[in-house]
Amino acid sequence: MKKITDLLKELNIKSNQKGCHSGLSWFGSGEYIKSFSPVDGSLLGTLQAAGVEDYEKAITKAEHAFLIFQKIPAPKRGEIVRQFGNKLREKKAALGQLVSWEMGKSFQEGLGEVQEMIDICDFAVGISRQLHGFTMTSERPQHRLYEQYHPLGLVGIISAFNFPVAVWSWNVALAWVCGNVCVWKPSEKTLLCSIACQNIISEVLNDNKLPEGISTVLSGGIEIGKWITEDHRIALVSATGSTRMGKYVAQQVGARLGKSLLELGGNNAMIVTASADLNIAMRAAVFGAVGTCGQRCTSTRRLIVHETIFDSFTKSIQKAYNQLRIGNPLDENNHVGPLIDSDAVQTYKKAIAQAQEEGGEWLVPGGVLDINGYEGGFYVKPAVVIIDHDAAIVQNETFAPILFIMKYNGGIEQAISIQNEVKQGLSSSIMSLNIQETETFLAHWGSDCGIANVNIGTSGAEIGGAFGGEKETGGGRESGSDAWKAYMRRQTNTINYSKDIPLAQGIVFDL
């Protein structure tokens, strides 16, 4: 592993860095923000955030860039994204390590996140040659009726700390091939990752002599998110984060009749039926619950287990948890790294206390840890609690490694009902070798989540599929499938190539 100083130098990040960039140079006139590593509490860098004048300067450049960029043929825009993907391949190890240092996930997960960026670039390059419309038959003779898609303009991206680079790339790769320009407000907890990403794409844009403003990063606090959300010049706001944040974005963007794409909270459940392969179920459940220290939007929060296998399955979970190694995430011998910061630790402690008050029975007790040599890090013990499915603590997402196990004693529809009773609807999973159970789970009266998996866990998703959820998860879709349509406006066209002017519905209008 490289020293953090060498890493920052390779990614062209300065120790006292301006935090705003739209193409040629870094700028910023706002407050100073410090980036600390959750691994050991060390100071990674200091950035100067965007002020109001910086924001206006950046938006003006983005508007100008859109006028030029939208006229470049989509396959040519795809070529820019292809070059970006290749640059990411060159920087994969360095950027993956920075993700681990600044966010706290394991190095393997950091590399995996950068690989997601590479994969979405590959996907977007293909999409750039098939931004298709739809042709229909007109009721009028010698008329052609069809639909086509056009770029929206400025796309605002508000991302969360837990995937500091991948979620941005899901948005920009598709938005760019669709002809949009992007303005990014990254999490103030992972600002160096955003600086690295902007440096990489800026190199590509400058090599191709493209204008400033196609890619813009605006570092700072909550005020920048508010500016983006309330700005009528930004056609689409794609926001990832808490349900509370998403409701604010939806209200503000909706008030100005803009478009929003929301990826919000998840309270994901795995159903384990009596016919499940318990070894597969155990491994999927443990990784889903403790991966990224429980800070994935798709992390497994709830296990719904049939009573006939409950005792044996919980024993295997307990045994697996007792084997977990907690510590520096850049040490590949460790399974679990730190939480992001002290606020996250306090949230974890409050959830532990509430579960205790609501009658939870600890299968694996939790607690805050002091890892020798990493006194400044935010390490906690992954916890497992047996609890009633209707306990208040179970109904809300706790962004920490706490797994709630509950029992069901009826058929598959009872288990599905327990899964669906929460307000969130991102990811879900069933472990079963019974086709009647799995098909019921996938039926329209089954799982009400945007993602429903069979014999794999809730955590993680492939680039090729649309990613997103229902209910208080927001309803947005990013990444694969036809998610590109969210970044475009739809237009219906009718062409008359006759020598008459017939009206629809047979209406006659003679003069």
Protein backbone atom coordinates (compact mmCIF):
# COMPACT_ATOMS: atom_id res chain seq x y z
CA MET A 1 0.00 0.00 0.00
CA LYS A 2 1.17 3.51 -0.81
CA LYS A 3 1.55 6.20 1.81
CA ILE A 4 -1.33 8.65 1.76
CA THR A 5 1.03 11.48 0.77
CA ASP A 6 2.23 9.51 -2.27
CA LEU A 7 -1.37 8.61 -3.10
CA LEU A 8 -2.53 12.22 -3.08
CA LYS A 9 0.42 13.23 -5.22
CA GLU A 10 -0.40 10.53 -7.81
CA LEU A 11 -4.01 11.73 -7.97
CA ASN A 12 -2.86 15.37 -8.18
CA ILE A 13 -4.52 16.43 -4.92
CA LYS A 14 -2.90 19.23 -2.96
CA SER A 15 -2.77 19.33 0.84
CA ASN A 16 -4.50 22.73 0.85
CA GLN A 17 -6.87 22.30 -2.06
CA LYS A 18 -9.50 24.52 -3.63
CA GLY A 19 -12.72 22.56 -3.85
CA CYS A 20 -14.44 23.84 -7.02
CA HIS A 21 -13.58 23.02 -10.62
CA SER A 22 -15.32 23.29 -13.97
CA GLY A 23 -12.59 22.41 -16.41
CA LEU A 24 -9.32 24.38 -16.29
CA SER A 25 -8.42 25.44 -12.76
CA TRP A 26 -9.43 24.95 -9.17
CA PHE A 27 -11.15 27.80 -7.35
CA GLY A 28 -13.16 28.49 -4.20
CA SER A 29 -13.92 31.36 -1.87
CA GLY A 30 -16.08 29.69 0.77
CA GLU A 31 -15.33 28.16 4.14
CA TYR A 32 -12.51 25.69 4.72
CA ILE A 33 -13.45 22.04 5.20
CA LYS A 34 -11.13 19.38 6.60
CA SER A 35 -11.18 15.76 5.47
CA PHE A 36 -10.35 13.23 8.18
CA SER A 37 -9.84 9.52 7.67
CA PRO A 38 -12.19 7.24 9.64
CA VAL A 39 -9.40 4.65 9.55
CA ASP A 40 -7.17 6.43 12.07
CA GLY A 41 -8.57 9.94 12.46
CA SER A 42 -5.70 11.51 10.53
CA LEU A 43 -6.13 14.74 8.58
CA LEU A 44 -6.05 13.94 4.87
CA GLY A 45 -6.46 17.43 3.50
CA THR A 46 -8.12 20.83 3.71
CA LEU A 47 -10.38 22.22 1.00
CA GLN A 48 -11.91 25.61 0.38
CA ALA A 49 -15.57 25.24 -0.49
CA ALA A 50 -17.68 27.10 -3.04
CA GLY A 51 -19.15 30.47 -2.23
CA VAL A 52 -22.18 32.00 -3.94
CA GLU A 53 -20.05 33.72 -6.57
CA ASP A 54 -18.20 30.47 -7.27
CA TYR A 55 -21.52 28.70 -7.76
CA GLU A 56 -22.77 31.31 -10.22
CA LYS A 57 -19.49 31.18 -12.12
CA ALA A 58 -19.71 27.40 -12.41
CA ILE A 59 -23.36 27.34 -13.52
CA THR A 60 -22.69 29.98 -16.19
CA LYS A 61 -19.86 27.84 -17.58
CA ALA A 62 -22.07 24.75 -17.49
CA GLU A 63 -24.83 26.52 -19.44
CA HIS A 64 -22.32 27.60 -22.10
CA ALA A 65 -20.82 24.10 -22.30
CA PHE A 66 -24.25 22.54 -22.83
CA LEU A 67 -24.87 24.65 -25.93
CA ILE A 68 -21.77 23.08 -27.49
CA PHE A 69 -21.81 19.57 -26.00
CA GLN A 70 -25.41 18.73 -26.95
CA LYS A 71 -24.55 19.18 -30.66
CA ILE A 72 -21.74 16.62 -30.59
CA PRO A 73 -23.05 13.30 -31.98
CA ALA A 74 -23.87 10.80 -29.24
CA PRO A 75 -21.28 8.21 -30.36
CA LYS A 76 -18.62 10.94 -30.16
CA ARG A 77 -19.76 11.74 -26.64
CA GLY A 78 -19.51 8.01 -25.97
CA GLU A 79 -15.89 8.16 -27.09
CA ILE A 80 -15.21 10.71 -24.35
CA VAL A 81 -16.72 8.35 -21.79
CA ARG A 82 -14.66 5.46 -23.22
CA GLN A 83 -11.48 7.46 -22.68
CA PHE A 84 -12.62 8.28 -19.14
CA GLY A 85 -13.09 4.55 -18.46
CA ASN A 86 -9.56 3.86 -19.69
CA LYS A 87 -8.14 6.57 -17.42
CA LEU A 88 -9.97 4.94 -14.52
CA ARG A 89 -8.32 1.64 -15.38
CA GLU A 90 -4.94 3.33 -15.09
CA LYS A 91 -5.86 4.92 -11.75
CA LYS A 92 -7.89 2.03 -10.32
CA ALA A 93 -5.47 1.04 -7.57
CA ALA A 94 -4.78 4.61 -6.45
CA LEU A 95 -8.41 5.74 -6.50
CA GLY A 96 -9.56 2.53 -4.82
CA GLN A 97 -7.05 3.06 -2.04
CA LEU A 98 -8.16 6.67 -1.59
CA VAL A 99 -11.77 5.50 -1.28
CA SER A 100 -10.65 3.15 1.49
CA TRP A 101 -8.70 5.86 3.33
CA GLU A 102 -11.37 8.54 3.12
CA MET A 103 -14.55 6.45 3.43
CA GLY A 104 -13.30 3.50 5.47
CA LYS A 105 -14.43 0.56 3.35
CA SER A 106 -12.03 -2.30 2.68
CA PHE A 107 -9.44 -1.97 -0.08
CA GLN A 108 -11.17 -4.74 -2.01
CA GLU A 109 -14.45 -2.85 -1.80
CA GLY A 110 -12.65 0.35 -2.82
CA LEU A 111 -11.30 -1.41 -5.91
CA GLY A 112 -14.77 -2.82 -6.54
CA GLU A 113 -16.24 0.66 -6.45
CA VAL A 114 -13.80 1.91 -9.06
CA GLN A 115 -14.57 -1.16 -11.15
CA GLU A 116 -18.23 -0.10 -11.06
CA MET A 117 -17.12 3.21 -12.57
CA ILE A 118 -15.29 1.38 -15.33
CA ASP A 119 -18.27 -0.90 -15.96
CA ILE A 120 -20.77 1.97 -16.26
CA CYS A 121 -18.44 3.70 -18.71
CA ASP A 122 -18.42 0.56 -20.86
CA PHE A 123 -22.21 0.34 -20.61
CA ALA A 124 -22.67 4.01 -21.49
CA VAL A 125 -20.42 3.73 -24.54
CA GLY A 126 -22.79 1.07 -25.91
CA ILE A 127 -25.84 3.16 -25.04
CA SER A 128 -24.35 6.10 -26.97
CA ARG A 129 -25.03 4.20 -30.20
CA GLN A 130 -28.59 3.17 -29.35
CA LEU A 131 -30.40 6.20 -27.93
CA HIS A 132 -33.50 4.97 -29.65
CA GLY A 133 -36.96 6.44 -30.10
CA PHE A 134 -40.19 4.71 -31.06
CA THR A 135 -42.15 4.72 -34.34
CA MET A 136 -45.94 4.39 -34.39
CA THR A 137 -48.56 4.20 -37.12
CA SER A 138 -50.42 7.45 -37.74
CA GLU A 139 -54.18 7.44 -38.24
CA ARG A 140 -53.75 10.09 -40.95
CA PRO A 141 -52.62 9.16 -44.48
CA GLN A 142 -49.08 10.08 -45.49
CA HIS A 143 -48.12 11.02 -41.95
CA ARG A 144 -45.30 9.66 -39.85
CA LEU A 145 -45.61 9.54 -36.06
CA TYR A 146 -42.65 8.86 -33.81
CA GLU A 147 -40.95 9.68 -30.50
CA GLN A 148 -37.41 10.77 -29.81
CA TYR A 149 -35.33 11.75 -26.79
CA HIS A 150 -33.34 14.94 -26.28
CA PRO A 151 -30.85 15.98 -23.54
CA LEU A 152 -32.22 17.89 -20.57
CA GLY A 153 -29.39 20.39 -20.11
CA LEU A 154 -27.80 20.76 -16.68
CA VAL A 155 -27.92 17.73 -14.38
CA GLY A 156 -27.22 18.27 -10.68
CA ILE A 157 -25.81 15.34 -8.72
CA ILE A 158 -25.88 15.17 -4.92
CA SER A 159 -24.04 12.07 -3.70
CA ALA A 160 -23.50 10.35 -0.35
CA PHE A 161 -20.32 9.35 1.47
CA ASN A 162 -20.80 5.58 1.34
CA PHE A 163 -20.14 5.31 -2.40
CA PRO A 164 -18.07 8.45 -2.93
CA VAL A 165 -17.19 7.79 -6.58
CA ALA A 166 -19.41 5.06 -8.05
CA VAL A 167 -22.80 6.77 -7.71
CA TRP A 168 -21.46 9.93 -9.35
CA SER A 169 -20.19 7.83 -12.25
CA TRP A 170 -23.55 6.06 -12.66
CA ASN A 171 -25.07 9.47 -13.28
CA VAL A 172 -22.42 11.24 -15.32
CA ALA A 173 -21.59 8.40 -17.72
CA LEU A 174 -25.21 8.20 -18.85
CA ALA A 175 -25.91 11.93 -18.61
CA TRP A 176 -22.88 12.73 -20.79
CA VAL A 177 -23.69 10.27 -23.58
CA CYS A 178 -27.22 11.70 -23.54
CA GLY A 179 -25.77 15.16 -24.18
CA ASN A 180 -26.09 16.76 -20.74
CA VAL A 181 -23.50 18.54 -18.62
CA CYS A 182 -23.16 17.73 -14.91
CA VAL A 183 -22.73 19.70 -11.68
CA TRP A 184 -21.67 17.56 -8.70
CA LYS A 185 -22.10 18.28 -5.02
CA PRO A 186 -20.20 15.41 -3.30
CA SER A 187 -20.52 14.50 0.36
CA GLU A 188 -18.45 16.81 2.55
CA LYS A 189 -17.17 13.63 4.25
CA THR A 190 -15.40 12.34 1.13
CA LEU A 191 -14.27 15.44 -0.73
CA LEU A 192 -10.83 14.20 -1.76
CA CYS A 193 -12.41 11.37 -3.75
CA SER A 194 -14.40 13.94 -5.74
CA ILE A 195 -11.24 15.99 -6.37
CA ALA A 196 -9.52 12.89 -7.75
CA CYS A 197 -12.45 12.08 -10.05
CA GLN A 198 -12.61 15.63 -11.40
CA ASN A 199 -8.88 15.62 -12.07
CA ILE A 200 -9.23 12.42 -14.10
CA ILE A 201 -12.18 13.54 -16.25
CA SER A 202 -10.71 17.02 -16.72
CA GLU A 203 -7.62 15.48 -18.29
CA VAL A 204 -9.83 13.67 -20.81
CA LEU A 205 -11.93 16.75 -21.60
CA ASN A 206 -8.88 18.96 -22.03
CA ASP A 207 -7.15 16.40 -24.27
CA ASN A 208 -10.22 16.51 -26.52
CA LYS A 209 -10.36 20.33 -26.46
CA LEU A 210 -13.84 20.41 -25.01
CA PRO A 211 -15.19 23.47 -23.15
CA GLU A 212 -15.22 24.07 -19.43
CA GLY A 213 -18.43 23.17 -17.66
CA ILE A 214 -19.13 19.68 -18.99
CA SER A 215 -18.05 18.33 -15.61
CA THR A 216 -18.17 20.54 -12.53
CA VAL A 217 -17.55 19.75 -8.87
CA LEU A 218 -18.70 22.10 -6.11
CA SER A 219 -17.37 21.10 -2.70
CA GLY A 220 -19.08 22.31 0.43
CA GLY A 221 -21.85 21.79 2.90
CA ILE A 222 -25.61 21.55 2.82
CA GLU A 223 -26.03 25.04 1.33
CA ILE A 224 -24.63 23.91 -2.03
CA GLY A 225 -27.19 21.11 -2.18
CA LYS A 226 -29.89 23.70 -1.53
CA TRP A 227 -28.59 25.97 -4.29
CA ILE A 228 -28.67 23.09 -6.77
CA THR A 229 -32.09 21.91 -5.64
CA GLU A 230 -33.69 25.35 -5.92
CA ASP A 231 -31.98 26.41 -9.16
CA HIS A 232 -34.41 26.46 -12.11
CA ARG A 233 -31.43 26.27 -14.49
CA ILE A 234 -30.77 22.69 -13.36
CA ALA A 235 -33.25 20.47 -15.16
CA LEU A 236 -32.67 17.27 -13.19
CA VAL A 237 -31.46 16.78 -9.63
CA SER A 238 -30.22 13.26 -8.90
CA ALA A 239 -29.89 12.88 -5.13
CA THR A 240 -28.61 9.96 -3.10
CA GLY A 241 -28.92 9.96 0.68
CA SER A 242 -31.41 9.80 3.50
CA THR A 243 -35.17 9.78 3.07
CA ARG A 244 -35.34 13.08 4.99
CA MET A 245 -32.97 14.71 2.53
CA GLY A 246 -34.83 13.20 -0.42
CA LYS A 247 -38.17 14.58 0.71
CA TYR A 248 -36.68 18.06 0.86
CA VAL A 249 -35.20 17.70 -2.63
CA ALA A 250 -38.48 16.36 -4.04
CA GLN A 251 -40.46 19.24 -2.55
CA GLN A 252 -38.09 21.95 -3.73
CA VAL A 253 -37.56 20.57 -7.22
CA GLY A 254 -41.27 19.78 -7.56
CA ALA A 255 -42.20 23.33 -6.55
CA ARG A 256 -40.33 24.61 -9.62
CA LEU A 257 -41.65 21.71 -11.77
CA GLY A 258 -38.18 20.30 -12.28
CA LYS A 259 -37.23 16.64 -12.45
CA SER A 260 -35.72 14.62 -9.61
CA LEU A 261 -34.13 11.18 -9.45
CA LEU A 262 -34.05 9.92 -5.86
CA GLU A 263 -32.07 7.03 -4.35
CA LEU A 264 -32.85 7.15 -0.65
CA GLY A 265 -32.97 4.90 2.42
CA GLY A 266 -33.10 1.13 2.44
CA ASN A 267 -34.27 -1.20 5.22
CA ASN A 268 -33.50 -4.38 3.41
CA ALA A 269 -34.65 -7.85 4.41
CA MET A 270 -33.60 -11.38 3.60
CA ILE A 271 -36.18 -14.15 3.97
CA VAL A 272 -34.73 -17.55 4.87
CA THR A 273 -37.27 -20.33 4.36
CA ALA A 274 -37.21 -23.90 5.61
CA SER A 275 -36.03 -25.09 2.18
CA ALA A 276 -33.05 -22.71 1.97
CA ASP A 277 -29.44 -23.74 1.47
CA LEU A 278 -28.36 -22.52 4.90
CA ASN A 279 -24.67 -22.27 4.07
CA ILE A 280 -25.34 -19.91 1.15
CA ALA A 281 -27.87 -18.00 3.23
CA MET A 282 -25.45 -17.55 6.12
CA ARG A 283 -22.62 -16.22 3.96
CA ALA A 284 -24.92 -13.85 2.07
CA ALA A 285 -26.47 -12.55 5.27
CA VAL A 286 -23.15 -11.90 7.02
CA PHE A 287 -21.57 -10.06 4.10
CA GLY A 288 -24.78 -8.13 3.50
CA ALA A 289 -24.88 -7.01 7.13
CA VAL A 290 -21.21 -6.18 7.80
CA GLY A 291 -19.86 -5.19 4.37
CA THR A 292 -18.80 -1.52 4.37
CA CYS A 293 -19.50 -1.68 8.12
CA GLY A 294 -23.23 -1.76 7.39
CA GLN A 295 -23.10 1.55 5.50
CA ARG A 296 -24.44 0.40 2.15
CA CYS A 297 -27.91 1.46 1.06
CA THR A 298 -28.41 -2.23 0.19
CA SER A 299 -26.99 -3.59 3.48
CA THR A 300 -28.99 -6.42 5.03
CA ARG A 301 -30.81 -4.97 8.05
CA ARG A 302 -33.41 -7.68 8.72
CA LEU A 303 -33.39 -11.49 8.61
CA ILE A 304 -36.81 -13.15 8.51
CA VAL A 305 -36.24 -16.82 9.35
CA HIS A 306 -38.70 -19.73 9.47
CA GLU A 307 -39.18 -21.19 12.94
CA THR A 308 -38.18 -24.75 11.91
CA ILE A 309 -34.61 -23.65 11.09
CA PHE A 310 -34.40 -20.66 13.39
CA ASP A 311 -32.20 -22.18 16.11
CA SER A 312 -29.72 -23.85 13.78
CA PHE A 313 -29.46 -20.82 11.49
CA THR A 314 -28.94 -18.31 14.28
CA LYS A 315 -26.18 -20.51 15.72
CA SER A 316 -24.36 -20.47 12.36
CA ILE A 317 -24.73 -16.68 12.19
CA GLN A 318 -23.35 -16.35 15.72
CA LYS A 319 -20.38 -18.56 14.87
CA ALA A 320 -19.60 -16.57 11.72
CA TYR A 321 -19.77 -13.24 13.56
CA ASN A 322 -17.37 -14.49 16.21
CA GLN A 323 -14.82 -15.05 13.43
CA LEU A 324 -14.99 -11.52 12.04
CA ARG A 325 -11.79 -9.48 12.17
CA ILE A 326 -12.26 -5.75 12.73
CA GLY A 327 -9.60 -3.15 12.01
CA ASN A 328 -7.75 -1.16 9.38
CA PRO A 329 -9.68 -1.69 6.12
CA LEU A 330 -6.48 -1.48 4.08
CA ASP A 331 -5.30 -4.67 5.80
CA GLU A 332 -6.86 -7.38 3.65
CA ASN A 333 -6.92 -9.77 6.61
CA ASN A 334 -9.71 -7.71 8.18
CA HIS A 335 -13.40 -8.13 7.33
CA VAL A 336 -14.84 -4.95 8.86
CA GLY A 337 -13.52 -1.39 8.87
CA PRO A 338 -14.74 1.73 10.67
CA LEU A 339 -17.90 3.79 10.57
CA ILE A 340 -17.54 7.10 8.77
CA ASP A 341 -17.38 9.45 11.79
CA SER A 342 -18.31 10.12 15.41
CA ASP A 343 -21.92 10.99 14.48
CA ALA A 344 -22.30 7.54 12.94
CA VAL A 345 -20.95 5.97 16.15
CA GLN A 346 -23.53 7.88 18.19
CA THR A 347 -26.32 6.69 15.89
CA TYR A 348 -25.07 3.12 16.34
CA LYS A 349 -25.04 3.48 20.14
CA LYS A 350 -28.56 4.91 20.22
CA ALA A 351 -29.86 2.04 18.08
CA ILE A 352 -28.19 -0.50 20.37
CA ALA A 353 -29.86 1.12 23.39
CA GLN A 354 -33.26 1.28 21.73
CA ALA A 355 -33.14 -2.36 20.68
CA GLN A 356 -32.35 -3.27 24.27
CA GLU A 357 -35.30 -1.19 25.54
CA GLU A 358 -37.66 -2.83 23.06
CA GLY A 359 -36.93 -6.34 24.28
CA GLY A 360 -34.20 -7.39 21.90
CA GLU A 361 -32.22 -10.52 22.77
CA TRP A 362 -28.57 -10.16 21.84
CA LEU A 363 -27.19 -13.01 19.77
CA VAL A 364 -23.96 -11.06 19.22
CA PRO A 365 -23.60 -8.03 21.52
CA GLY A 366 -22.40 -4.74 20.07
CA GLY A 367 -20.07 -2.09 21.41
CA VAL A 368 -17.61 0.64 20.48
CA LEU A 369 -14.04 -0.59 20.02
CA ASP A 370 -10.65 0.96 20.64
CA ILE A 371 -8.39 -0.66 18.07
CA ASN A 372 -4.75 -0.54 19.14
CA GLY A 373 -2.84 1.71 16.80
CA TYR A 374 -6.02 3.23 15.37
CA GLU A 375 -7.25 5.21 18.36
CA GLY A 376 -8.63 7.93 16.13
CA GLY A 377 -10.74 5.55 14.04
CA PHE A 378 -14.46 4.91 14.48
CA TYR A 379 -14.66 1.17 15.03
CA VAL A 380 -17.69 -0.69 16.38
CA LYS A 381 -18.57 -4.32 16.83
CA PRO A 382 -21.11 -5.75 14.36
CA ALA A 383 -24.15 -6.76 16.41
CA VAL A 384 -27.00 -9.24 15.97
CA VAL A 385 -30.25 -9.00 17.90
CA ILE A 386 -33.31 -11.25 17.94
CA ILE A 387 -36.38 -9.04 18.09
CA ASP A 388 -40.07 -8.82 17.14
CA HIS A 389 -40.68 -7.69 13.58
CA ASP A 390 -42.98 -4.86 14.69
CA ALA A 391 -40.49 -3.26 17.10
CA ALA A 392 -40.06 0.44 16.38
CA ILE A 393 -36.30 0.14 15.91
CA VAL A 394 -36.85 -2.36 13.10
CA GLN A 395 -39.11 -0.02 11.12
CA ASN A 396 -36.36 2.51 10.41
CA GLU A 397 -32.99 2.15 8.76
CA THR A 398 -29.94 2.21 11.05
CA PHE A 399 -26.87 2.98 8.93
CA ALA A 400 -24.57 0.72 10.94
CA PRO A 401 -23.68 -2.99 11.29
CA ILE A 402 -26.72 -4.05 13.35
CA LEU A 403 -28.64 -7.08 12.08
CA PHE A 404 -32.18 -7.73 13.34
CA ILE A 405 -33.38 -11.34 13.25
CA MET A 406 -37.06 -12.19 13.49
CA LYS A 407 -39.04 -15.41 13.30
CA TYR A 408 -42.04 -16.37 11.17
CA ASN A 409 -44.09 -19.54 11.55
CA GLY A 410 -46.50 -19.47 8.61
CA GLY A 411 -46.17 -19.68 4.85
CA ILE A 412 -44.15 -17.56 2.44
CA GLU A 413 -46.81 -14.87 2.21
CA GLN A 414 -46.48 -14.21 5.94
CA ALA A 415 -42.73 -13.71 5.53
CA ILE A 416 -43.29 -11.39 2.57
CA SER A 417 -45.83 -9.40 4.58
CA ILE A 418 -43.25 -8.88 7.35
CA GLN A 419 -40.67 -7.82 4.78
CA ASN A 420 -43.03 -5.31 3.13
CA GLU A 421 -44.33 -3.67 6.31
CA VAL A 422 -41.52 -1.10 6.49
CA LYS A 423 -41.67 2.25 4.68
CA GLN A 424 -38.53 1.69 2.63
CA GLY A 425 -38.39 -0.46 -0.49
CA LEU A 426 -34.91 -0.73 -1.96
CA SER A 427 -33.52 -4.27 -1.89
CA SER A 428 -34.89 -7.66 -0.84
CA SER A 429 -33.82 -11.27 -0.99
CA ILE A 430 -35.19 -14.77 -0.49
CA MET A 431 -33.18 -17.88 0.27
CA SER A 432 -35.17 -20.89 -0.88
CA LEU A 433 -34.89 -23.92 -3.15
CA ASN A 434 -38.70 -24.16 -3.39
CA ILE A 435 -39.91 -22.74 -6.70
CA GLN A 436 -43.37 -21.94 -5.33
CA GLU A 437 -41.79 -19.78 -2.63
CA THR A 438 -39.39 -18.00 -4.96
CA GLU A 439 -41.99 -17.33 -7.65
CA THR A 440 -44.43 -15.99 -5.07
CA PHE A 441 -41.68 -13.70 -3.81
CA LEU A 442 -41.17 -12.37 -7.36
CA ALA A 443 -44.88 -12.04 -8.19
CA HIS A 444 -46.49 -8.60 -8.23
CA TRP A 445 -48.06 -9.38 -4.86
CA GLY A 446 -44.67 -10.46 -3.50
CA SER A 447 -41.71 -8.23 -2.70
CA ASP A 448 -42.56 -4.52 -3.03
CA CYS A 449 -38.91 -3.50 -3.45
CA GLY A 450 -37.14 -2.18 -6.52
CA ILE A 451 -34.65 -5.06 -6.24
CA ALA A 452 -35.74 -8.62 -5.49
CA ASN A 453 -33.07 -11.35 -5.44
CA VAL A 454 -33.29 -15.12 -5.21
CA ASN A 455 -30.51 -17.06 -3.47
CA ILE A 456 -28.18 -14.09 -3.35
CA GLY A 457 -28.06 -11.35 -0.74
CA THR A 458 -29.51 -7.86 -0.70
CA SER A 459 -26.16 -6.13 -1.02
CA GLY A 460 -24.56 -5.24 -4.31
CA ALA A 461 -25.94 -4.96 -7.84
CA GLU A 462 -24.71 -5.38 -11.39
CA ILE A 463 -24.32 -2.40 -13.71
CA GLY A 464 -26.58 -3.92 -16.36
CA GLY A 465 -29.73 -3.74 -14.25
CA ALA A 466 -31.60 -0.60 -13.25
CA PHE A 467 -30.79 0.28 -9.64
CA GLY A 468 -33.34 1.86 -7.31
CA GLY A 469 -36.30 1.31 -5.03
CA GLU A 470 -39.89 2.12 -4.22
CA LYS A 471 -41.84 3.80 -1.40
CA GLU A 472 -39.59 6.01 0.74
CA THR A 473 -36.57 4.88 -1.26
CA GLY A 474 -37.75 7.44 -3.80
CA GLY A 475 -38.65 5.54 -6.97
CA GLY A 476 -35.56 6.53 -8.97
CA ARG A 477 -33.56 4.26 -11.27
CA GLU A 478 -29.87 4.61 -12.08
CA SER A 479 -27.22 2.60 -13.89
CA GLY A 480 -28.38 -0.05 -16.39
CA SER A 481 -31.41 -1.10 -18.42
CA ASP A 482 -33.22 2.00 -19.75
CA ALA A 483 -32.19 4.28 -16.88
CA TRP A 484 -30.66 6.60 -19.51
CA LYS A 485 -34.16 7.89 -20.24
CA ALA A 486 -34.20 9.73 -16.89
CA TYR A 487 -31.53 12.07 -18.28
CA MET A 488 -33.53 13.00 -21.37
CA ARG A 489 -36.75 14.72 -22.33
CA ARG A 490 -39.26 12.89 -24.47
CA GLN A 491 -40.68 14.43 -27.62
CA THR A 492 -43.47 13.22 -29.93
CA ASN A 493 -43.15 14.19 -33.61
CA THR A 494 -45.69 14.10 -36.43
CA ILE A 495 -44.55 14.65 -40.01
CA ASN A 496 -47.03 15.35 -42.79
CA TYR A 497 -45.69 14.49 -46.23
CA SER A 498 -49.07 14.67 -47.98
CA LYS A 499 -50.52 17.56 -50.01
CA ASP A 500 -53.38 18.05 -47.56
CA ILE A 501 -53.80 19.01 -43.90
CA PRO A 502 -56.02 16.28 -42.41
CA LEU A 503 -56.84 16.71 -38.72
CA ALA A 504 -56.76 14.01 -36.06
CA GLN A 505 -59.96 12.26 -34.98
CA GLY A 506 -61.49 13.01 -38.39
CA ILE A 507 -62.23 16.65 -37.53
CA VAL A 508 -63.16 18.78 -40.57
CA PHE A 509 -62.24 22.47 -40.60
CA ASP A 510 -63.09 24.08 -43.93
CA LEU A 511 -62.31 27.69 -44.79
